[in-house]
Each structure stands twice: as C-alpha cells, then as structure tokens.
Amino acid sequence: MSRTLYQIGGFLALGLGGVGIVLPLLPTVPFLILAAYCFARSDETLERWLVEHPTFGSHVRSWRERGAISQKGKRAALAAFATSALVALLFVSLPYSLMPLAAALIGGTWIWTRPDA
C-alpha cells in the first residue's frame, strides 16, 4: 500500500475517533490505534503526535506494548455493547435482534480478556 493510502486511512480513522468523542456508542481509542498504525506507515510526525498526545497517547502505547486496554475503556465498551444489544432486543424483530447480541458477546468477551492497562 502506498504512503498516501495509509495517510488517508489514518486521517479517516482519526476523524472517526474524533466523532467517537461526542457520540457515546462510537469507540474512540480503537480508531486512534488504527490511525497510529496508518501514520506509522505514512507520516512519522503524525504518528509521534498521536503516540505522545497527552490524552490518548497512553492508550495507544498500552495497546502497542502489551495489547492492553484500561479498565475504564473496558467498562465503556461493555456498556456500549450492552446498550446496543438491549435496544436491538427491544426494537428489532427476531432473529435480527440476536445479531447485535451475538456481536456484543463475542466482542465483549474479546475485550474483557485483554490485559489491563
């Protein structure tokens, strides 16, 4: 992949992470980790800015070094999964309402088993 495509991907991920700051069900940190990955392959200055960012840098570094997620991040992700699954169970007909529940169980289990940051 070319540097330009990685840089575009990094900015898209950074934008989605920014939207996730204000929308509670859109995750922020996973998009910032993706942005750091893309910037590492396209622009060293942007990668360094993201890794050294006072608010989000520690999350990116924890993930890179140990594959770790903070307890607060885990709780937020699991709460978002639970809310999505509950809304689907209440407002979507079967069997489609089971898809968000399955995603919540699979994704939530994976997140819960990551090391603590």
N, C-alpha and C. Protein backbone atom coordinates (compact mmCIF):
# COMPACT_ATOMS: atom_id res chain seq x y z
N MET A 1 0.84 -1.18 0.00
CA MET A 1 0.00 0.00 0.00
C MET A 1 0.88 1.24 0.00
N SER A 2 0.46 2.23 -0.68
CA SER A 2 1.29 3.43 -0.75
C SER A 2 1.13 4.29 0.50
N ARG A 3 2.11 5.14 0.68
CA ARG A 3 2.07 6.05 1.83
C ARG A 3 0.82 6.92 1.81
N THR A 4 0.42 7.34 0.64
CA THR A 4 -0.76 8.21 0.53
C THR A 4 -2.01 7.50 1.02
N LEU A 5 -2.18 6.24 0.66
CA LEU A 5 -3.36 5.50 1.11
C LEU A 5 -3.35 5.29 2.62
N TYR A 6 -2.17 5.01 3.16
CA TYR A 6 -2.06 4.89 4.62
C TYR A 6 -2.38 6.23 5.30
N GLN A 7 -1.92 7.31 4.71
CA GLN A 7 -2.18 8.61 5.31
C GLN A 7 -3.68 8.94 5.24
N ILE A 8 -4.33 8.64 4.13
CA ILE A 8 -5.77 8.85 4.01
C ILE A 8 -6.49 8.00 5.06
N GLY A 9 -6.09 6.73 5.18
CA GLY A 9 -6.68 5.85 6.18
C GLY A 9 -6.48 6.38 7.59
N GLY A 10 -5.30 6.93 7.85
CA GLY A 10 -5.01 7.50 9.17
C GLY A 10 -5.91 8.68 9.48
N PHE A 11 -6.09 9.55 8.51
CA PHE A 11 -6.97 10.71 8.74
C PHE A 11 -8.43 10.29 8.88
N LEU A 12 -8.86 9.30 8.11
CA LEU A 12 -10.23 8.80 8.26
C LEU A 12 -10.44 8.21 9.65
N ALA A 13 -9.49 7.39 10.09
CA ALA A 13 -9.59 6.79 11.42
C ALA A 13 -9.55 7.87 12.50
N LEU A 14 -8.70 8.87 12.32
CA LEU A 14 -8.62 9.96 13.28
C LEU A 14 -9.94 10.73 13.33
N GLY A 15 -10.55 10.95 12.18
CA GLY A 15 -11.85 11.62 12.13
C GLY A 15 -12.94 10.83 12.82
N LEU A 16 -12.97 9.51 12.57
CA LEU A 16 -13.96 8.67 13.24
C LEU A 16 -13.73 8.64 14.75
N GLY A 17 -12.47 8.63 15.15
CA GLY A 17 -12.17 8.70 16.58
C GLY A 17 -12.64 10.00 17.18
N GLY A 18 -12.50 11.10 16.43
CA GLY A 18 -12.99 12.39 16.90
C GLY A 18 -14.50 12.41 17.04
N VAL A 19 -15.20 11.79 16.10
CA VAL A 19 -16.65 11.70 16.20
C VAL A 19 -17.03 10.86 17.42
N GLY A 20 -16.23 9.82 17.69
CA GLY A 20 -16.49 8.96 18.84
C GLY A 20 -16.38 9.66 20.17
N ILE A 21 -15.69 10.79 20.20
CA ILE A 21 -15.59 11.56 21.43
C ILE A 21 -16.96 12.10 21.83
N VAL A 22 -17.76 12.49 20.84
CA VAL A 22 -19.07 13.08 21.15
C VAL A 22 -20.23 12.11 21.01
N LEU A 23 -20.05 11.01 20.29
CA LEU A 23 -21.11 10.00 20.16
C LEU A 23 -20.78 8.82 21.07
N PRO A 24 -21.59 8.57 22.07
CA PRO A 24 -21.23 7.57 23.07
C PRO A 24 -21.10 6.14 22.56
N LEU A 25 -21.77 5.77 21.48
CA LEU A 25 -21.70 4.38 21.03
C LEU A 25 -20.63 4.14 19.97
N LEU A 26 -19.92 5.18 19.56
CA LEU A 26 -18.82 5.03 18.61
C LEU A 26 -17.51 5.07 19.39
N PRO A 27 -16.71 4.01 19.29
CA PRO A 27 -15.48 3.98 20.10
C PRO A 27 -14.44 4.98 19.58
N THR A 28 -13.69 5.53 20.49
CA THR A 28 -12.66 6.50 20.12
C THR A 28 -11.29 5.84 20.01
N VAL A 29 -10.87 5.16 21.05
CA VAL A 29 -9.50 4.64 21.13
C VAL A 29 -9.17 3.64 20.02
N PRO A 30 -10.06 2.69 19.67
CA PRO A 30 -9.69 1.78 18.58
C PRO A 30 -9.40 2.51 17.27
N PHE A 31 -10.14 3.58 16.99
CA PHE A 31 -9.87 4.34 15.78
C PHE A 31 -8.55 5.09 15.90
N LEU A 32 -8.19 5.55 17.09
CA LEU A 32 -6.91 6.23 17.27
C LEU A 32 -5.75 5.24 17.15
N ILE A 33 -5.95 4.02 17.61
CA ILE A 33 -4.92 2.99 17.43
C ILE A 33 -4.74 2.69 15.95
N LEU A 34 -5.84 2.59 15.22
CA LEU A 34 -5.77 2.38 13.77
C LEU A 34 -5.08 3.56 13.09
N ALA A 35 -5.40 4.78 13.52
CA ALA A 35 -4.76 5.96 12.94
C ALA A 35 -3.25 5.92 13.19
N ALA A 36 -2.83 5.56 14.39
CA ALA A 36 -1.41 5.46 14.69
C ALA A 36 -0.73 4.42 13.82
N TYR A 37 -1.40 3.30 13.59
CA TYR A 37 -0.87 2.25 12.71
C TYR A 37 -0.66 2.81 11.30
N CYS A 38 -1.68 3.49 10.79
CA CYS A 38 -1.58 4.05 9.43
C CYS A 38 -0.51 5.14 9.36
N PHE A 39 -0.45 6.01 10.34
CA PHE A 39 0.54 7.08 10.34
C PHE A 39 1.95 6.53 10.48
N ALA A 40 2.11 5.41 11.18
CA ALA A 40 3.44 4.79 11.31
C ALA A 40 3.97 4.38 9.94
N ARG A 41 3.08 4.13 9.00
CA ARG A 41 3.47 3.71 7.67
C ARG A 41 3.44 4.84 6.66
N SER A 42 3.07 6.06 7.11
CA SER A 42 2.95 7.14 6.14
C SER A 42 3.59 8.46 6.59
N ASP A 43 3.51 8.79 7.87
CA ASP A 43 3.98 10.09 8.32
C ASP A 43 4.45 10.00 9.77
N GLU A 44 5.75 10.00 9.95
CA GLU A 44 6.34 9.84 11.28
C GLU A 44 5.93 10.97 12.24
N THR A 45 5.78 12.17 11.72
CA THR A 45 5.40 13.31 12.56
C THR A 45 4.00 13.13 13.14
N LEU A 46 3.06 12.72 12.31
CA LEU A 46 1.69 12.49 12.78
C LEU A 46 1.63 11.33 13.76
N GLU A 47 2.40 10.28 13.48
CA GLU A 47 2.42 9.15 14.41
C GLU A 47 2.96 9.59 15.77
N ARG A 48 4.04 10.32 15.77
CA ARG A 48 4.64 10.78 17.03
C ARG A 48 3.66 11.68 17.78
N TRP A 49 2.95 12.57 17.06
CA TRP A 49 1.97 13.44 17.70
C TRP A 49 0.89 12.62 18.39
N LEU A 50 0.41 11.57 17.72
CA LEU A 50 -0.66 10.76 18.29
C LEU A 50 -0.16 9.92 19.47
N VAL A 51 1.01 9.33 19.35
CA VAL A 51 1.56 8.50 20.42
C VAL A 51 1.93 9.34 21.65
N GLU A 52 2.31 10.58 21.43
CA GLU A 52 2.69 11.45 22.54
C GLU A 52 1.55 12.36 22.99
N HIS A 53 0.37 12.19 22.44
CA HIS A 53 -0.77 13.04 22.80
C HIS A 53 -1.05 12.88 24.30
N PRO A 54 -1.28 13.99 25.02
CA PRO A 54 -1.46 13.89 26.47
C PRO A 54 -2.70 13.10 26.90
N THR A 55 -3.74 13.08 26.10
CA THR A 55 -4.96 12.37 26.48
C THR A 55 -5.01 10.95 25.93
N PHE A 56 -4.67 10.78 24.67
CA PHE A 56 -4.87 9.49 24.02
C PHE A 56 -3.59 8.68 23.84
N GLY A 57 -2.44 9.30 23.98
CA GLY A 57 -1.18 8.62 23.74
C GLY A 57 -0.96 7.40 24.63
N SER A 58 -1.37 7.49 25.88
CA SER A 58 -1.16 6.36 26.79
C SER A 58 -1.95 5.13 26.35
N HIS A 59 -3.14 5.34 25.79
CA HIS A 59 -3.95 4.22 25.30
C HIS A 59 -3.28 3.55 24.10
N VAL A 60 -2.76 4.36 23.20
CA VAL A 60 -2.09 3.82 22.01
C VAL A 60 -0.83 3.07 22.43
N ARG A 61 -0.04 3.65 23.34
CA ARG A 61 1.19 2.99 23.79
C ARG A 61 0.88 1.68 24.52
N SER A 62 -0.14 1.67 25.37
CA SER A 62 -0.50 0.44 26.09
C SER A 62 -0.88 -0.67 25.12
N TRP A 63 -1.63 -0.30 24.10
CA TRP A 63 -2.03 -1.31 23.12
C TRP A 63 -0.82 -1.83 22.36
N ARG A 64 0.06 -0.94 21.94
CA ARG A 64 1.24 -1.35 21.17
C ARG A 64 2.18 -2.22 22.00
N GLU A 65 2.37 -1.86 23.25
CA GLU A 65 3.35 -2.55 24.07
C GLU A 65 2.85 -3.87 24.62
N ARG A 66 1.57 -3.92 25.05
CA ARG A 66 1.08 -5.13 25.73
C ARG A 66 -0.27 -5.61 25.24
N GLY A 67 -0.84 -4.96 24.24
CA GLY A 67 -2.19 -5.32 23.81
C GLY A 67 -3.19 -5.08 24.93
N ALA A 68 -2.94 -4.04 25.73
CA ALA A 68 -3.72 -3.80 26.94
C ALA A 68 -4.77 -2.72 26.73
N ILE A 69 -5.88 -2.86 27.44
CA ILE A 69 -6.98 -1.89 27.44
C ILE A 69 -7.24 -1.52 28.89
N SER A 70 -7.47 -0.23 29.14
CA SER A 70 -7.72 0.22 30.51
C SER A 70 -9.05 -0.34 31.03
N GLN A 71 -9.16 -0.44 32.34
CA GLN A 71 -10.42 -0.89 32.95
C GLN A 71 -11.57 0.04 32.57
N LYS A 72 -11.30 1.33 32.57
CA LYS A 72 -12.33 2.31 32.19
C LYS A 72 -12.76 2.09 30.74
N GLY A 73 -11.81 1.84 29.87
CA GLY A 73 -12.13 1.57 28.47
C GLY A 73 -12.93 0.29 28.30
N LYS A 74 -12.56 -0.72 29.06
CA LYS A 74 -13.31 -1.98 29.00
C LYS A 74 -14.75 -1.78 29.46
N ARG A 75 -14.91 -1.06 30.57
CA ARG A 75 -16.26 -0.81 31.08
C ARG A 75 -17.10 -0.02 30.08
N ALA A 76 -16.50 0.98 29.46
CA ALA A 76 -17.23 1.80 28.48
C ALA A 76 -17.63 0.96 27.26
N ALA A 77 -16.71 0.14 26.79
CA ALA A 77 -17.02 -0.71 25.64
C ALA A 77 -18.12 -1.71 25.97
N LEU A 78 -18.03 -2.33 27.12
CA LEU A 78 -19.05 -3.31 27.51
C LEU A 78 -20.40 -2.65 27.74
N ALA A 79 -20.41 -1.43 28.28
CA ALA A 79 -21.68 -0.72 28.45
C ALA A 79 -22.29 -0.38 27.09
N ALA A 80 -21.46 0.02 26.14
CA ALA A 80 -21.96 0.33 24.79
C ALA A 80 -22.50 -0.94 24.13
N PHE A 81 -21.80 -2.05 24.27
CA PHE A 81 -22.28 -3.32 23.72
C PHE A 81 -23.61 -3.70 24.34
N ALA A 82 -23.71 -3.59 25.65
CA ALA A 82 -24.94 -3.97 26.35
C ALA A 82 -26.11 -3.07 25.93
N THR A 83 -25.85 -1.78 25.80
CA THR A 83 -26.90 -0.86 25.37
C THR A 83 -27.38 -1.19 23.97
N SER A 84 -26.44 -1.43 23.06
CA SER A 84 -26.81 -1.77 21.69
C SER A 84 -27.62 -3.06 21.64
N ALA A 85 -27.19 -4.06 22.37
CA ALA A 85 -27.90 -5.34 22.38
C ALA A 85 -29.30 -5.18 22.97
N LEU A 86 -29.42 -4.41 24.04
CA LEU A 86 -30.73 -4.19 24.66
C LEU A 86 -31.68 -3.45 23.73
N VAL A 87 -31.18 -2.41 23.08
CA VAL A 87 -32.01 -1.65 22.13
C VAL A 87 -32.48 -2.57 21.00
N ALA A 88 -31.57 -3.40 20.49
CA ALA A 88 -31.95 -4.32 19.42
C ALA A 88 -32.99 -5.32 19.89
N LEU A 89 -32.82 -5.85 21.09
CA LEU A 89 -33.79 -6.82 21.60
C LEU A 89 -35.17 -6.18 21.80
N LEU A 90 -35.19 -4.90 22.14
CA LEU A 90 -36.47 -4.22 22.38
C LEU A 90 -37.15 -3.75 21.10
N PHE A 91 -36.38 -3.35 20.10
CA PHE A 91 -36.98 -2.68 18.95
C PHE A 91 -36.82 -3.39 17.61
N VAL A 92 -36.09 -4.48 17.57
CA VAL A 92 -35.88 -5.19 16.30
C VAL A 92 -36.47 -6.59 16.44
N SER A 93 -37.10 -7.03 15.38
CA SER A 93 -37.76 -8.34 15.44
C SER A 93 -36.73 -9.48 15.36
N LEU A 94 -37.14 -10.61 15.90
CA LEU A 94 -36.32 -11.82 15.82
C LEU A 94 -36.25 -12.28 14.37
N PRO A 95 -35.25 -12.87 13.90
CA PRO A 95 -33.98 -13.22 14.52
C PRO A 95 -32.94 -12.11 14.43
N TYR A 96 -33.29 -10.99 13.78
CA TYR A 96 -32.32 -9.92 13.56
C TYR A 96 -31.86 -9.27 14.86
N SER A 97 -32.69 -9.29 15.87
CA SER A 97 -32.30 -8.69 17.14
C SER A 97 -31.21 -9.50 17.85
N LEU A 98 -30.98 -10.72 17.40
CA LEU A 98 -29.95 -11.55 18.02
C LEU A 98 -28.55 -11.25 17.49
N MET A 99 -28.48 -10.60 16.33
CA MET A 99 -27.16 -10.29 15.75
C MET A 99 -26.37 -9.32 16.63
N PRO A 100 -26.94 -8.21 17.08
CA PRO A 100 -26.18 -7.34 17.99
C PRO A 100 -25.83 -8.03 19.31
N LEU A 101 -26.70 -8.92 19.76
CA LEU A 101 -26.41 -9.66 20.99
C LEU A 101 -25.20 -10.57 20.77
N ALA A 102 -25.16 -11.27 19.63
CA ALA A 102 -24.02 -12.13 19.33
C ALA A 102 -22.74 -11.31 19.21
N ALA A 103 -22.82 -10.16 18.52
CA ALA A 103 -21.65 -9.30 18.38
C ALA A 103 -21.18 -8.79 19.74
N ALA A 104 -22.13 -8.45 20.61
CA ALA A 104 -21.78 -7.97 21.95
C ALA A 104 -21.10 -9.07 22.76
N LEU A 105 -21.61 -10.28 22.67
CA LEU A 105 -20.99 -11.38 23.41
C LEU A 105 -19.59 -11.70 22.89
N ILE A 106 -19.43 -11.74 21.59
CA ILE A 106 -18.12 -12.06 21.01
C ILE A 106 -17.14 -10.92 21.27
N GLY A 107 -17.54 -9.69 20.90
CA GLY A 107 -16.66 -8.54 21.09
C GLY A 107 -16.38 -8.26 22.55
N GLY A 108 -17.40 -8.36 23.38
CA GLY A 108 -17.22 -8.12 24.81
C GLY A 108 -16.29 -9.12 25.46
N THR A 109 -16.42 -10.37 25.07
CA THR A 109 -15.52 -11.40 25.61
C THR A 109 -14.08 -11.13 25.21
N TRP A 110 -13.88 -10.76 23.96
CA TRP A 110 -12.52 -10.47 23.49
C TRP A 110 -11.94 -9.29 24.25
N ILE A 111 -12.72 -8.21 24.40
CA ILE A 111 -12.23 -7.02 25.11
C ILE A 111 -11.93 -7.36 26.57
N TRP A 112 -12.82 -8.09 27.21
CA TRP A 112 -12.65 -8.41 28.63
C TRP A 112 -11.39 -9.24 28.88
N THR A 113 -10.99 -10.05 27.90
CA THR A 113 -9.82 -10.92 28.10
C THR A 113 -8.50 -10.24 27.77
N ARG A 114 -8.52 -9.00 27.28
CA ARG A 114 -7.27 -8.27 27.04
C ARG A 114 -6.65 -7.89 28.38
N PRO A 115 -5.33 -7.78 28.42
CA PRO A 115 -4.68 -7.35 29.66
C PRO A 115 -5.13 -5.95 30.06
N ASP A 116 -5.04 -5.67 31.35
CA ASP A 116 -5.39 -4.35 31.86
C ASP A 116 -4.23 -3.39 31.66
N ALA A 117 -4.57 -2.19 31.24
CA ALA A 117 -3.53 -1.15 31.05
C ALA A 117 -3.23 -0.49 32.38
